[in-house]
N, C-alpha and C. Protein backbone atom coordinates (compact mmCIF):
# COMPACT_ATOMS: atom_id res chain seq x y z
N UNK A 1 0.85 -1.20 0.00
CA UNK A 1 0.00 0.00 0.00
C UNK A 1 0.88 1.24 0.00
N UNK A 2 0.58 2.17 -0.87
CA UNK A 2 1.36 3.40 -0.95
C UNK A 2 0.85 4.43 0.03
N UNK A 3 1.64 5.48 0.23
CA UNK A 3 1.23 6.57 1.11
C UNK A 3 -0.04 7.21 0.58
N UNK A 4 -0.18 7.30 -0.75
CA UNK A 4 -1.36 7.92 -1.34
C UNK A 4 -2.62 7.15 -1.00
N UNK A 5 -2.50 5.85 -0.74
CA UNK A 5 -3.68 5.03 -0.46
C UNK A 5 -4.11 5.10 1.01
N UNK A 6 -3.27 5.67 1.86
CA UNK A 6 -3.57 5.72 3.28
C UNK A 6 -4.39 6.95 3.63
N UNK A 7 -5.34 6.78 4.56
CA UNK A 7 -6.03 7.92 5.13
C UNK A 7 -5.05 8.67 6.03
N UNK A 8 -5.33 9.93 6.28
CA UNK A 8 -4.44 10.74 7.12
C UNK A 8 -4.27 10.11 8.49
N UNK A 9 -5.37 9.66 9.10
CA UNK A 9 -5.28 9.08 10.45
C UNK A 9 -4.46 7.81 10.45
N UNK A 10 -4.63 6.98 9.38
CA UNK A 10 -3.85 5.74 9.28
C UNK A 10 -2.37 6.04 9.10
N UNK A 11 -2.07 7.09 8.33
CA UNK A 11 -0.68 7.48 8.09
C UNK A 11 -0.03 7.92 9.39
N UNK A 12 -0.75 8.71 10.18
CA UNK A 12 -0.22 9.18 11.46
C UNK A 12 0.10 7.99 12.36
N UNK A 13 -0.82 7.03 12.45
CA UNK A 13 -0.59 5.86 13.29
C UNK A 13 0.60 5.05 12.80
N UNK A 14 0.76 4.96 11.46
CA UNK A 14 1.88 4.21 10.91
C UNK A 14 3.20 4.87 11.27
N UNK A 15 3.24 6.20 11.18
CA UNK A 15 4.46 6.93 11.52
C UNK A 15 4.81 6.76 12.99
N UNK A 16 3.79 6.86 13.86
CA UNK A 16 4.03 6.71 15.29
C UNK A 16 4.50 5.29 15.62
N UNK A 17 3.95 4.32 14.95
CA UNK A 17 4.35 2.94 15.20
C UNK A 17 5.80 2.72 14.82
N UNK A 18 6.26 3.40 13.76
CA UNK A 18 7.64 3.23 13.29
C UNK A 18 8.64 3.98 14.16
N UNK A 19 8.31 5.21 14.54
CA UNK A 19 9.27 6.04 15.25
C UNK A 19 9.04 6.10 16.76
N UNK A 20 7.83 5.81 17.20
CA UNK A 20 7.52 5.96 18.62
C UNK A 20 7.02 7.35 18.90
N UNK A 21 6.01 7.47 19.76
CA UNK A 21 5.37 8.77 19.98
C UNK A 21 6.31 9.79 20.57
N UNK A 22 7.30 9.36 21.36
CA UNK A 22 8.19 10.30 22.02
C UNK A 22 9.23 10.89 21.09
N UNK A 23 9.32 10.37 19.86
CA UNK A 23 10.25 10.92 18.88
C UNK A 23 9.57 11.89 17.93
N UNK A 24 8.25 12.03 18.05
CA UNK A 24 7.51 12.85 17.11
C UNK A 24 7.52 14.32 17.52
N UNK A 25 7.53 15.22 16.56
CA UNK A 25 7.51 16.65 16.87
C UNK A 25 6.17 17.06 17.46
N UNK A 26 6.19 18.10 18.31
CA UNK A 26 4.97 18.60 18.92
C UNK A 26 4.26 19.55 17.96
N UNK A 27 2.94 19.57 18.03
CA UNK A 27 2.17 20.54 17.26
C UNK A 27 2.21 21.88 17.99
N UNK A 28 1.74 22.94 17.30
CA UNK A 28 1.70 24.25 17.92
C UNK A 28 0.90 24.27 19.21
N UNK A 29 -0.36 23.75 19.21
CA UNK A 29 -1.15 23.73 20.45
C UNK A 29 -0.49 22.94 21.57
N UNK A 30 0.17 21.83 21.23
CA UNK A 30 0.88 21.05 22.25
C UNK A 30 2.02 21.87 22.86
N UNK A 31 2.83 22.47 22.00
CA UNK A 31 3.98 23.25 22.47
C UNK A 31 3.54 24.41 23.35
N UNK A 32 2.48 25.11 22.94
CA UNK A 32 1.99 26.25 23.72
C UNK A 32 1.51 25.81 25.10
N UNK A 33 0.80 24.69 25.15
CA UNK A 33 0.28 24.19 26.43
C UNK A 33 1.42 23.74 27.33
N UNK A 34 2.39 23.05 26.77
CA UNK A 34 3.53 22.58 27.55
C UNK A 34 4.32 23.76 28.10
N UNK A 35 4.56 24.77 27.26
CA UNK A 35 5.28 25.96 27.71
C UNK A 35 4.53 26.65 28.84
N UNK A 36 3.21 26.77 28.70
CA UNK A 36 2.40 27.39 29.75
C UNK A 36 2.54 26.63 31.06
N UNK A 37 2.40 25.31 31.01
CA UNK A 37 2.46 24.51 32.24
C UNK A 37 3.82 24.61 32.92
N UNK A 38 4.89 24.49 32.15
CA UNK A 38 6.22 24.55 32.75
C UNK A 38 6.45 25.91 33.40
N UNK A 39 6.05 26.99 32.73
CA UNK A 39 6.25 28.34 33.27
C UNK A 39 5.44 28.57 34.54
N UNK A 40 4.17 28.20 34.51
CA UNK A 40 3.29 28.44 35.65
C UNK A 40 3.66 27.55 36.83
N UNK A 41 3.95 26.29 36.58
CA UNK A 41 4.28 25.37 37.67
C UNK A 41 5.63 25.70 38.29
N UNK A 42 6.59 26.14 37.49
CA UNK A 42 7.89 26.54 38.04
C UNK A 42 7.71 27.74 38.96
N UNK A 43 6.84 28.67 38.58
CA UNK A 43 6.57 29.83 39.44
C UNK A 43 5.80 29.42 40.69
N UNK A 44 4.83 28.51 40.53
CA UNK A 44 4.03 28.05 41.66
C UNK A 44 4.91 27.40 42.73
N UNK A 45 5.92 26.65 42.31
CA UNK A 45 6.78 25.95 43.25
C UNK A 45 8.16 26.61 43.37
N UNK A 46 8.21 27.93 43.16
CA UNK A 46 9.48 28.64 43.19
C UNK A 46 10.12 28.63 44.57
N UNK A 47 9.31 28.69 45.64
CA UNK A 47 9.87 28.69 46.99
C UNK A 47 10.46 27.32 47.34
N UNK A 48 9.77 26.26 46.90
CA UNK A 48 10.31 24.91 47.11
C UNK A 48 11.46 24.61 46.15
N UNK A 49 11.50 25.36 45.03
CA UNK A 49 12.49 25.18 43.97
C UNK A 49 12.43 23.76 43.40
N UNK A 50 11.22 23.23 43.28
CA UNK A 50 11.06 21.90 42.70
C UNK A 50 11.39 21.93 41.21
N UNK A 51 11.72 20.75 40.72
CA UNK A 51 12.15 20.61 39.34
C UNK A 51 10.94 20.36 38.44
N UNK A 52 10.69 21.28 37.54
CA UNK A 52 9.59 21.16 36.57
C UNK A 52 10.20 21.07 35.19
N UNK A 53 9.87 20.03 34.45
CA UNK A 53 10.55 19.78 33.19
C UNK A 53 9.59 19.15 32.18
N UNK A 54 9.86 19.36 30.91
CA UNK A 54 9.06 18.74 29.84
C UNK A 54 9.90 17.73 29.08
N UNK A 55 9.23 16.66 28.68
CA UNK A 55 9.83 15.66 27.76
C UNK A 55 11.15 15.09 28.25
N UNK A 56 11.21 14.74 29.52
CA UNK A 56 12.41 14.09 30.07
C UNK A 56 12.13 12.59 30.24
N UNK A 57 12.99 11.77 29.66
CA UNK A 57 12.86 10.32 29.74
C UNK A 57 12.95 9.85 31.19
N UNK A 58 11.96 9.03 31.60
CA UNK A 58 11.95 8.45 32.94
C UNK A 58 12.23 6.96 32.82
N UNK A 59 13.23 6.49 33.55
CA UNK A 59 13.61 5.08 33.53
C UNK A 59 13.35 4.49 34.91
N UNK A 60 12.45 3.52 34.95
CA UNK A 60 12.08 2.83 36.19
C UNK A 60 12.36 1.34 36.01
N UNK A 61 13.29 0.79 36.76
CA UNK A 61 13.65 -0.62 36.59
C UNK A 61 12.42 -1.53 36.65
N UNK A 62 12.32 -2.42 35.66
CA UNK A 62 11.22 -3.37 35.64
C UNK A 62 10.00 -2.91 34.88
N UNK A 63 10.02 -1.66 34.42
CA UNK A 63 8.87 -1.12 33.70
C UNK A 63 9.32 -0.44 32.41
N UNK A 64 8.37 -0.23 31.52
CA UNK A 64 8.69 0.44 30.27
C UNK A 64 9.07 1.89 30.52
N UNK A 65 9.93 2.42 29.66
CA UNK A 65 10.32 3.83 29.76
C UNK A 65 9.14 4.71 29.38
N UNK A 66 9.13 5.92 29.90
CA UNK A 66 8.04 6.83 29.61
C UNK A 66 8.57 8.26 29.60
N UNK A 67 7.97 9.10 28.79
CA UNK A 67 8.41 10.49 28.66
C UNK A 67 7.21 11.41 28.86
N UNK A 68 6.94 11.85 30.09
CA UNK A 68 5.80 12.74 30.32
C UNK A 68 6.00 14.07 29.59
N UNK A 69 4.91 14.61 29.07
CA UNK A 69 5.01 15.92 28.43
C UNK A 69 5.45 16.98 29.44
N UNK A 70 4.91 16.90 30.66
CA UNK A 70 5.32 17.79 31.75
C UNK A 70 5.31 16.99 33.05
N UNK A 71 6.34 17.18 33.86
CA UNK A 71 6.42 16.49 35.14
C UNK A 71 6.94 17.43 36.22
N UNK A 72 6.39 17.29 37.42
CA UNK A 72 6.82 18.08 38.57
C UNK A 72 7.49 17.13 39.57
N UNK A 73 8.79 17.33 39.78
CA UNK A 73 9.54 16.48 40.70
C UNK A 73 9.78 17.22 42.02
N UNK A 74 9.39 16.62 43.16
CA UNK A 74 9.56 17.26 44.45
C UNK A 74 10.99 17.13 44.97
N UNK A 75 11.92 17.70 44.24
CA UNK A 75 13.33 17.61 44.59
C UNK A 75 14.04 18.87 44.11
N UNK A 76 15.06 19.28 44.84
CA UNK A 76 15.85 20.47 44.48
C UNK A 76 17.12 20.01 43.77
N UNK A 77 17.36 20.56 42.59
CA UNK A 77 18.57 20.26 41.84
C UNK A 77 19.34 21.54 41.59
N UNK A 78 20.65 21.45 41.63
CA UNK A 78 21.47 22.61 41.30
C UNK A 78 21.37 22.87 39.81
N UNK A 79 21.78 24.05 39.39
CA UNK A 79 21.75 24.36 37.97
C UNK A 79 22.67 23.44 37.19
N UNK A 80 23.79 23.08 37.79
CA UNK A 80 24.72 22.16 37.12
C UNK A 80 24.07 20.79 36.92
N UNK A 81 23.34 20.32 37.93
CA UNK A 81 22.66 19.03 37.81
C UNK A 81 21.59 19.09 36.72
N UNK A 82 20.88 20.19 36.68
CA UNK A 82 19.83 20.35 35.66
C UNK A 82 20.44 20.36 34.26
N UNK A 83 21.56 21.04 34.11
CA UNK A 83 22.20 21.16 32.81
C UNK A 83 22.71 19.82 32.29
N UNK A 84 23.11 18.94 33.19
CA UNK A 84 23.71 17.67 32.79
C UNK A 84 22.70 16.54 32.69
N UNK A 85 21.47 16.77 33.17
CA UNK A 85 20.48 15.70 33.23
C UNK A 85 19.95 15.35 31.84
N UNK A 86 20.04 14.09 31.47
CA UNK A 86 19.51 13.63 30.18
C UNK A 86 18.38 12.63 30.35
N UNK A 87 18.23 12.07 31.55
CA UNK A 87 17.13 11.16 31.85
C UNK A 87 16.94 11.12 33.36
N UNK A 88 15.78 10.62 33.77
CA UNK A 88 15.46 10.53 35.20
C UNK A 88 15.53 9.05 35.59
N UNK A 89 16.64 8.66 36.20
CA UNK A 89 16.89 7.27 36.56
C UNK A 89 16.38 7.04 37.98
N UNK A 90 15.23 6.37 38.11
CA UNK A 90 14.58 6.26 39.41
C UNK A 90 15.25 5.27 40.36
N UNK A 91 16.24 4.52 39.88
CA UNK A 91 16.98 3.63 40.77
C UNK A 91 18.16 4.34 41.43
N UNK A 92 18.36 5.61 41.09
CA UNK A 92 19.43 6.39 41.70
C UNK A 92 18.92 7.15 42.91
N UNK A 93 19.80 7.49 43.86
CA UNK A 93 19.38 8.25 45.03
C UNK A 93 18.81 9.62 44.63
N UNK A 94 17.87 10.09 45.42
CA UNK A 94 17.27 11.42 45.20
C UNK A 94 16.64 11.55 43.83
N UNK A 95 16.05 10.47 43.34
CA UNK A 95 15.31 10.52 42.07
C UNK A 95 13.91 9.96 42.32
N UNK A 96 13.07 10.73 43.02
CA UNK A 96 11.71 10.26 43.34
C UNK A 96 10.80 10.28 42.12
N UNK A 97 9.65 9.69 42.27
CA UNK A 97 8.63 9.76 41.21
C UNK A 97 8.13 11.20 41.10
N UNK A 98 7.71 11.60 39.93
CA UNK A 98 7.13 12.94 39.80
C UNK A 98 5.86 13.05 40.64
N UNK A 99 5.64 14.23 41.19
CA UNK A 99 4.44 14.46 42.00
C UNK A 99 3.20 14.49 41.11
N UNK A 100 3.31 15.17 39.98
CA UNK A 100 2.21 15.29 39.02
C UNK A 100 2.77 15.18 37.62
N UNK A 101 2.02 14.55 36.72
CA UNK A 101 2.42 14.50 35.31
C UNK A 101 1.26 14.96 34.43
N UNK A 102 1.62 15.51 33.27
CA UNK A 102 0.64 15.93 32.27
C UNK A 102 1.00 15.30 30.94
N UNK A 103 -0.03 14.90 30.21
CA UNK A 103 0.13 14.51 28.81
C UNK A 103 -0.78 15.41 27.97
N UNK A 104 -0.22 16.00 26.93
CA UNK A 104 -0.96 16.87 26.03
C UNK A 104 -1.18 16.07 24.75
N UNK A 105 -2.41 15.68 24.51
CA UNK A 105 -2.73 14.67 23.49
C UNK A 105 -2.60 15.19 22.06
N UNK A 106 -2.27 14.27 21.19
CA UNK A 106 -2.22 14.52 19.75
C UNK A 106 -2.91 13.36 19.06
N UNK A 107 -3.01 13.44 17.73
CA UNK A 107 -3.64 12.36 16.96
C UNK A 107 -2.96 11.02 17.22
N UNK A 108 -1.65 11.05 17.40
CA UNK A 108 -0.93 9.79 17.55
C UNK A 108 -0.78 9.29 18.97
N UNK A 109 -1.10 10.13 19.97
CA UNK A 109 -0.87 9.72 21.36
C UNK A 109 -2.13 9.58 22.20
N UNK A 110 -3.26 10.11 21.73
CA UNK A 110 -4.42 10.24 22.62
C UNK A 110 -4.91 8.91 23.16
N UNK A 111 -4.85 7.85 22.35
CA UNK A 111 -5.35 6.56 22.83
C UNK A 111 -4.52 6.04 24.00
N UNK A 112 -3.20 6.15 23.91
CA UNK A 112 -2.35 5.75 25.04
C UNK A 112 -2.53 6.67 26.24
N UNK A 113 -2.71 7.97 25.96
CA UNK A 113 -2.88 8.93 27.05
C UNK A 113 -4.09 8.59 27.90
N UNK A 114 -5.14 8.05 27.27
CA UNK A 114 -6.39 7.78 27.97
C UNK A 114 -6.55 6.31 28.35
N UNK A 115 -5.51 5.52 28.17
CA UNK A 115 -5.61 4.10 28.52
C UNK A 115 -4.35 3.62 29.23
N UNK A 116 -3.33 3.23 28.46
CA UNK A 116 -2.15 2.62 29.04
C UNK A 116 -1.42 3.53 30.03
N UNK A 117 -1.38 4.82 29.75
CA UNK A 117 -0.60 5.71 30.61
C UNK A 117 -1.25 5.94 31.97
N UNK A 118 -2.55 5.70 32.06
CA UNK A 118 -3.20 5.82 33.37
C UNK A 118 -2.58 4.81 34.33
N UNK A 119 -2.42 3.57 33.87
CA UNK A 119 -1.81 2.54 34.70
C UNK A 119 -0.30 2.75 34.84
N UNK A 120 0.32 3.23 33.78
CA UNK A 120 1.78 3.42 33.81
C UNK A 120 2.18 4.44 34.85
N UNK A 121 1.43 5.53 34.97
CA UNK A 121 1.79 6.55 35.96
C UNK A 121 1.45 6.12 37.38
N UNK A 122 0.53 5.18 37.52
CA UNK A 122 0.32 4.58 38.83
C UNK A 122 1.55 3.76 39.22
N UNK A 123 2.08 2.97 38.27
CA UNK A 123 3.30 2.20 38.51
C UNK A 123 4.47 3.10 38.86
N UNK A 124 4.50 4.27 38.23
CA UNK A 124 5.60 5.20 38.44
C UNK A 124 5.61 5.73 39.87
N UNK A 125 4.42 5.80 40.49
CA UNK A 125 4.33 6.29 41.85
C UNK A 125 3.95 7.75 41.96
N UNK A 126 3.45 8.32 40.84
CA UNK A 126 3.02 9.71 40.88
C UNK A 126 1.72 9.83 41.65
N UNK A 127 1.40 11.05 42.09
CA UNK A 127 0.17 11.27 42.86
C UNK A 127 -1.02 11.54 41.96
N UNK A 128 -0.79 12.32 40.89
CA UNK A 128 -1.90 12.68 40.00
C UNK A 128 -1.42 12.73 38.56
N UNK A 129 -2.34 12.43 37.67
CA UNK A 129 -2.06 12.46 36.23
C UNK A 129 -3.21 13.18 35.53
N UNK A 130 -2.83 14.14 34.66
CA UNK A 130 -3.83 14.89 33.90
C UNK A 130 -3.53 14.76 32.41
N UNK A 131 -4.59 14.61 31.62
CA UNK A 131 -4.47 14.57 30.16
C UNK A 131 -5.34 15.69 29.60
N UNK A 132 -4.82 16.34 28.54
CA UNK A 132 -5.52 17.49 27.96
C UNK A 132 -5.45 17.42 26.44
N UNK A 133 -6.56 17.77 25.81
CA UNK A 133 -6.64 17.80 24.35
C UNK A 133 -6.74 19.26 23.90
N UNK A 134 -5.65 19.83 23.34
CA UNK A 134 -5.64 21.24 22.97
C UNK A 134 -6.04 21.53 21.52
N UNK A 135 -6.29 20.49 20.74
CA UNK A 135 -6.53 20.69 19.32
C UNK A 135 -7.93 21.27 19.09
N UNK A 136 -8.00 22.26 18.21
CA UNK A 136 -9.30 22.87 17.90
C UNK A 136 -10.27 21.81 17.36
N UNK A 137 -9.76 20.96 16.47
CA UNK A 137 -10.52 19.81 16.03
C UNK A 137 -10.16 18.66 16.96
N UNK A 138 -10.96 18.47 18.00
CA UNK A 138 -10.61 17.60 19.12
C UNK A 138 -10.20 16.21 18.65
N UNK A 139 -9.07 15.71 19.18
CA UNK A 139 -8.59 14.39 18.78
C UNK A 139 -9.16 13.28 19.65
N UNK A 140 -9.58 13.60 20.87
CA UNK A 140 -10.20 12.59 21.71
C UNK A 140 -11.51 12.13 21.08
N UNK A 141 -11.72 10.84 21.07
CA UNK A 141 -12.94 10.29 20.50
C UNK A 141 -14.00 10.12 21.59
N UNK A 142 -15.22 10.53 21.28
CA UNK A 142 -16.37 10.31 22.17
C UNK A 142 -16.15 10.91 23.56
N UNK A 143 -15.51 12.08 23.63
CA UNK A 143 -15.32 12.78 24.89
C UNK A 143 -15.93 14.17 24.79
N UNK A 144 -16.71 14.53 25.79
CA UNK A 144 -17.34 15.85 25.80
C UNK A 144 -16.48 16.89 26.50
N UNK A 145 -15.33 16.47 26.99
CA UNK A 145 -14.43 17.36 27.70
C UNK A 145 -13.04 17.32 27.08
N UNK A 146 -12.25 18.34 27.36
CA UNK A 146 -10.87 18.38 26.88
C UNK A 146 -9.88 18.04 28.00
N UNK A 147 -10.38 17.90 29.22
CA UNK A 147 -9.49 17.72 30.37
C UNK A 147 -9.98 16.56 31.23
N UNK A 148 -9.07 15.63 31.52
CA UNK A 148 -9.36 14.51 32.41
C UNK A 148 -8.23 14.36 33.40
N UNK A 149 -8.55 13.84 34.59
CA UNK A 149 -7.52 13.67 35.60
C UNK A 149 -7.76 12.43 36.45
N UNK A 150 -6.67 11.89 36.98
CA UNK A 150 -6.74 10.70 37.84
C UNK A 150 -5.85 10.92 39.05
N UNK A 151 -6.31 10.40 40.18
CA UNK A 151 -5.55 10.48 41.44
C UNK A 151 -5.25 9.06 41.89
N UNK A 152 -4.01 8.86 42.38
CA UNK A 152 -3.60 7.53 42.82
C UNK A 152 -3.49 7.53 44.34
N UNK A 153 -4.33 6.74 44.99
CA UNK A 153 -4.34 6.72 46.45
C UNK A 153 -4.63 5.31 46.95
N UNK A 154 -3.81 4.85 47.89
CA UNK A 154 -3.99 3.54 48.52
C UNK A 154 -4.08 2.42 47.49
N UNK A 155 -3.24 2.54 46.46
CA UNK A 155 -3.19 1.50 45.46
C UNK A 155 -4.33 1.51 44.47
N UNK A 156 -5.17 2.53 44.52
CA UNK A 156 -6.31 2.60 43.63
C UNK A 156 -6.20 3.79 42.69
N UNK A 157 -6.86 3.66 41.53
CA UNK A 157 -6.94 4.75 40.56
C UNK A 157 -8.31 5.40 40.70
N UNK A 158 -8.33 6.68 41.00
CA UNK A 158 -9.59 7.40 41.16
C UNK A 158 -9.67 8.51 40.12
N UNK A 159 -10.68 8.46 39.27
CA UNK A 159 -10.85 9.55 38.32
C UNK A 159 -11.30 10.79 39.07
N UNK A 160 -10.68 11.92 38.77
CA UNK A 160 -11.02 13.18 39.43
C UNK A 160 -12.28 13.74 38.78
N UNK A 161 -13.32 13.91 39.58
CA UNK A 161 -14.60 14.37 39.06
C UNK A 161 -14.62 15.89 38.95
N UNK A 162 -15.20 16.40 37.89
CA UNK A 162 -15.33 17.84 37.70
C UNK A 162 -16.44 18.39 38.58
N UNK A 163 -16.29 19.66 38.97
CA UNK A 163 -17.35 20.31 39.72
C UNK A 163 -18.40 20.86 38.75
N UNK A 164 -19.34 21.66 39.25
CA UNK A 164 -20.41 22.16 38.42
C UNK A 164 -19.95 23.04 37.28
N UNK A 165 -18.74 23.61 37.40
CA UNK A 165 -18.19 24.46 36.35
C UNK A 165 -17.41 23.66 35.31
N UNK A 166 -17.18 22.38 35.63
CA UNK A 166 -16.34 21.57 34.76
C UNK A 166 -14.87 21.64 35.14
N UNK A 167 -14.57 22.19 36.33
CA UNK A 167 -13.19 22.33 36.80
C UNK A 167 -12.78 21.09 37.59
N UNK A 168 -11.49 20.74 37.51
CA UNK A 168 -10.93 19.63 38.28
C UNK A 168 -10.03 20.19 39.38
N UNK A 169 -10.15 19.61 40.59
CA UNK A 169 -9.32 20.05 41.70
C UNK A 169 -8.10 19.15 41.82
N UNK A 170 -6.92 19.75 41.84
CA UNK A 170 -5.66 19.01 42.03
C UNK A 170 -5.17 19.22 43.45
N UNK A 171 -5.20 18.15 44.24
CA UNK A 171 -4.67 18.23 45.60
C UNK A 171 -3.17 18.45 45.58
N UNK A 172 -2.50 17.79 44.66
CA UNK A 172 -1.04 17.88 44.60
C UNK A 172 -0.54 19.26 44.20
N UNK A 173 -1.33 19.97 43.39
CA UNK A 173 -0.95 21.30 42.94
C UNK A 173 -1.67 22.40 43.70
N UNK A 174 -2.61 22.01 44.58
CA UNK A 174 -3.42 22.98 45.32
C UNK A 174 -4.02 23.99 44.34
N UNK A 175 -4.59 23.48 43.27
CA UNK A 175 -5.06 24.33 42.18
C UNK A 175 -6.27 23.71 41.49
N UNK A 176 -7.09 24.60 40.93
CA UNK A 176 -8.13 24.19 40.01
C UNK A 176 -7.56 24.15 38.60
N UNK A 177 -7.97 23.16 37.82
CA UNK A 177 -7.58 23.07 36.42
C UNK A 177 -8.84 23.11 35.57
N UNK A 178 -8.78 23.85 34.47
CA UNK A 178 -9.93 23.92 33.58
C UNK A 178 -9.46 24.25 32.17
N UNK A 179 -10.32 23.98 31.21
CA UNK A 179 -10.03 24.34 29.83
C UNK A 179 -10.82 25.59 29.47
N UNK A 180 -10.11 26.58 28.97
CA UNK A 180 -10.74 27.80 28.46
C UNK A 180 -10.67 27.70 26.95
N UNK A 181 -11.67 27.06 26.35
CA UNK A 181 -11.58 26.74 24.94
C UNK A 181 -10.51 25.69 24.74
N UNK A 182 -9.53 26.02 23.91
CA UNK A 182 -8.43 25.07 23.65
C UNK A 182 -7.23 25.32 24.57
N UNK A 183 -7.39 26.16 25.56
CA UNK A 183 -6.29 26.49 26.45
C UNK A 183 -6.52 25.90 27.85
N UNK A 184 -5.47 25.36 28.43
CA UNK A 184 -5.51 24.84 29.79
C UNK A 184 -5.11 25.96 30.73
N UNK A 185 -5.85 26.11 31.84
CA UNK A 185 -5.56 27.16 32.80
C UNK A 185 -5.64 26.63 34.22
N UNK A 186 -4.82 27.23 35.11
CA UNK A 186 -4.80 26.88 36.52
C UNK A 186 -5.27 28.07 37.35
N UNK A 187 -6.02 27.77 38.44
CA UNK A 187 -6.52 28.80 39.33
C UNK A 187 -6.28 28.38 40.78
N UNK A 188 -6.14 29.36 41.67
CA UNK A 188 -5.97 29.03 43.08
C UNK A 188 -7.33 28.75 43.71
N UNK A 189 -7.34 28.48 45.02
CA UNK A 189 -8.58 28.11 45.71
C UNK A 189 -9.65 29.19 45.59
N UNK A 190 -9.21 30.45 45.55
CA UNK A 190 -10.14 31.57 45.50
C UNK A 190 -10.63 31.88 44.09
N UNK A 191 -10.12 31.14 43.11
CA UNK A 191 -10.54 31.37 41.74
C UNK A 191 -9.70 32.37 40.98
N UNK A 192 -8.54 32.73 41.54
CA UNK A 192 -7.63 33.65 40.86
C UNK A 192 -6.71 32.86 39.94
N UNK A 193 -6.55 33.35 38.71
CA UNK A 193 -5.72 32.63 37.76
C UNK A 193 -4.27 32.61 38.21
N UNK A 194 -3.64 31.46 38.05
CA UNK A 194 -2.22 31.34 38.37
C UNK A 194 -1.39 31.79 37.16
N UNK A 195 -0.35 32.57 37.43
CA UNK A 195 0.50 33.11 36.37
C UNK A 195 1.92 32.58 36.49
N UNK A 196 2.71 32.80 35.44
CA UNK A 196 4.13 32.55 35.56
C UNK A 196 4.77 33.81 36.16
N UNK A 197 6.09 33.80 36.34
CA UNK A 197 6.76 34.90 37.02
C UNK A 197 6.57 36.24 36.33
N UNK A 198 6.70 36.26 35.02
CA UNK A 198 6.58 37.51 34.26
C UNK A 198 5.17 38.07 34.36
N UNK A 199 4.17 37.18 34.21
CA UNK A 199 2.78 37.62 34.30
C UNK A 199 2.44 38.09 35.71
N UNK A 200 2.94 37.38 36.73
CA UNK A 200 2.67 37.76 38.11
C UNK A 200 3.25 39.13 38.42
N UNK A 201 4.46 39.40 37.92
CA UNK A 201 5.07 40.71 38.14
C UNK A 201 4.27 41.81 37.47
N UNK A 202 3.80 41.54 36.25
CA UNK A 202 2.99 42.52 35.53
C UNK A 202 1.66 42.78 36.26
N UNK A 203 1.03 41.72 36.75
CA UNK A 203 -0.22 41.87 37.48
C UNK A 203 -0.01 42.68 38.75
N UNK A 204 1.10 42.42 39.45
CA UNK A 204 1.40 43.14 40.69
C UNK A 204 1.59 44.63 40.41
N UNK A 205 2.30 44.96 39.33
CA UNK A 205 2.53 46.36 38.99
C UNK A 205 1.22 47.06 38.62
N UNK A 206 0.37 46.36 37.88
CA UNK A 206 -0.92 46.94 37.49
C UNK A 206 -1.80 47.16 38.72
N UNK A 207 -1.78 46.21 39.65
CA UNK A 207 -2.57 46.35 40.88
C UNK A 207 -2.05 47.51 41.72
N UNK A 208 -0.72 47.65 41.78
CA UNK A 208 -0.11 48.75 42.53
C UNK A 208 -0.48 50.10 41.92
N UNK A 209 -0.45 50.18 40.60
CA UNK A 209 -0.80 51.42 39.92
C UNK A 209 -2.27 51.76 40.12
N UNK A 210 -3.12 50.75 40.07
CA UNK A 210 -4.56 50.98 40.27
C UNK A 210 -4.83 51.48 41.69
N UNK A 211 -4.16 50.89 42.68
CA UNK A 211 -4.33 51.32 44.06
C UNK A 211 -3.84 52.76 44.25
N UNK A 212 -2.74 53.09 43.60
CA UNK A 212 -2.19 54.44 43.68
C UNK A 212 -3.15 55.46 43.10
N UNK A 213 -3.73 55.13 41.93
CA UNK A 213 -4.66 56.05 41.28
C UNK A 213 -5.91 56.26 42.12
N UNK A 214 -6.39 55.20 42.77
CA UNK A 214 -7.56 55.32 43.63
C UNK A 214 -7.25 56.22 44.84
N UNK A 215 -6.05 56.05 45.40
CA UNK A 215 -5.65 56.87 46.55
C UNK A 215 -5.55 58.34 46.16
N UNK A 216 -4.97 58.61 44.99
CA UNK A 216 -4.84 60.00 44.53
C UNK A 216 -6.21 60.61 44.26
N UNK A 217 -7.11 59.82 43.70
CA UNK A 217 -8.47 60.32 43.45
C UNK A 217 -9.15 60.70 44.76
N UNK A 218 -8.97 59.88 45.78
CA UNK A 218 -9.57 60.17 47.08
C UNK A 218 -9.00 61.45 47.68
N UNK A 219 -7.68 61.63 47.54
CA UNK A 219 -7.05 62.84 48.07
C UNK A 219 -7.59 64.08 47.36
N UNK A 220 -7.76 64.00 46.06
CA UNK A 220 -8.27 65.15 45.30
C UNK A 220 -9.70 65.48 45.73
N UNK A 221 -10.49 64.44 46.02
CA UNK A 221 -11.86 64.66 46.49
C UNK A 221 -11.86 65.39 47.83
N UNK A 222 -10.80 65.20 48.59
CA UNK A 222 -10.67 65.87 49.89
C UNK A 222 -10.00 67.22 49.77
N UNK A 223 -9.69 67.62 48.52
CA UNK A 223 -9.07 68.91 48.28
C UNK A 223 -7.58 68.91 48.51
N UNK A 224 -6.96 67.76 48.48
CA UNK A 224 -5.52 67.66 48.72
C UNK A 224 -4.83 67.34 47.39
N UNK A 225 -3.79 68.09 47.09
CA UNK A 225 -3.01 67.83 45.88
C UNK A 225 -2.00 66.72 46.17
N UNK A 226 -2.14 65.52 45.55
CA UNK A 226 -1.20 64.43 45.81
C UNK A 226 0.24 64.82 45.53
N UNK A 227 0.47 65.71 44.55
CA UNK A 227 1.84 66.10 44.20
C UNK A 227 2.50 66.89 45.32
N UNK A 228 1.71 67.42 46.22
CA UNK A 228 2.29 68.22 47.31
C UNK A 228 2.74 67.37 48.48
N UNK A 229 2.41 66.08 48.46
CA UNK A 229 2.78 65.21 49.57
C UNK A 229 4.17 64.62 49.40
């Protein structure tokens, strides 16, 4: 059978079967979502200085290798260690399982993301696993949502149920997760969107400026020139 005779979906599966899903290039929506998660999670855990990384090979003796799109490791590494790291060897000291993992689905990976990887991340010892479909033309089959999550507790797999808004609560991240169209977003307990460092700094400056303008307006109402203070 020639390439011309194959349907697009069959061709994608054939390519993935030959090269393996972890060798395939990311699509634009995948890359954007992964970049967002790494930036926001690194800022969220900046005080702990936990290691947040994308597409790092995880090697666990006795199990198949796996490459999470995004993983949060509850461990502090020096910059030199980060620069030299090429894989996460779990049989080495100070190489714990990731606290949380994310898979950003594509045409070639979605079936594994929603089946085999649920069990694989339980074997890995992670606390929570989230899968997200960012494609405008949704690749998940027969799913009314773009976001699914699972929690591993006491040897059991528990699907994380959405609330009335369709949001999922992550105990491990102390955050709400939701899809805003084709974009994945994180919020704190109060419903405030979580930002990366650059966005947080910009929000803080805007809030400071707004507070300053309100204070000056109040002074003017009292007949006081703010410039004279």
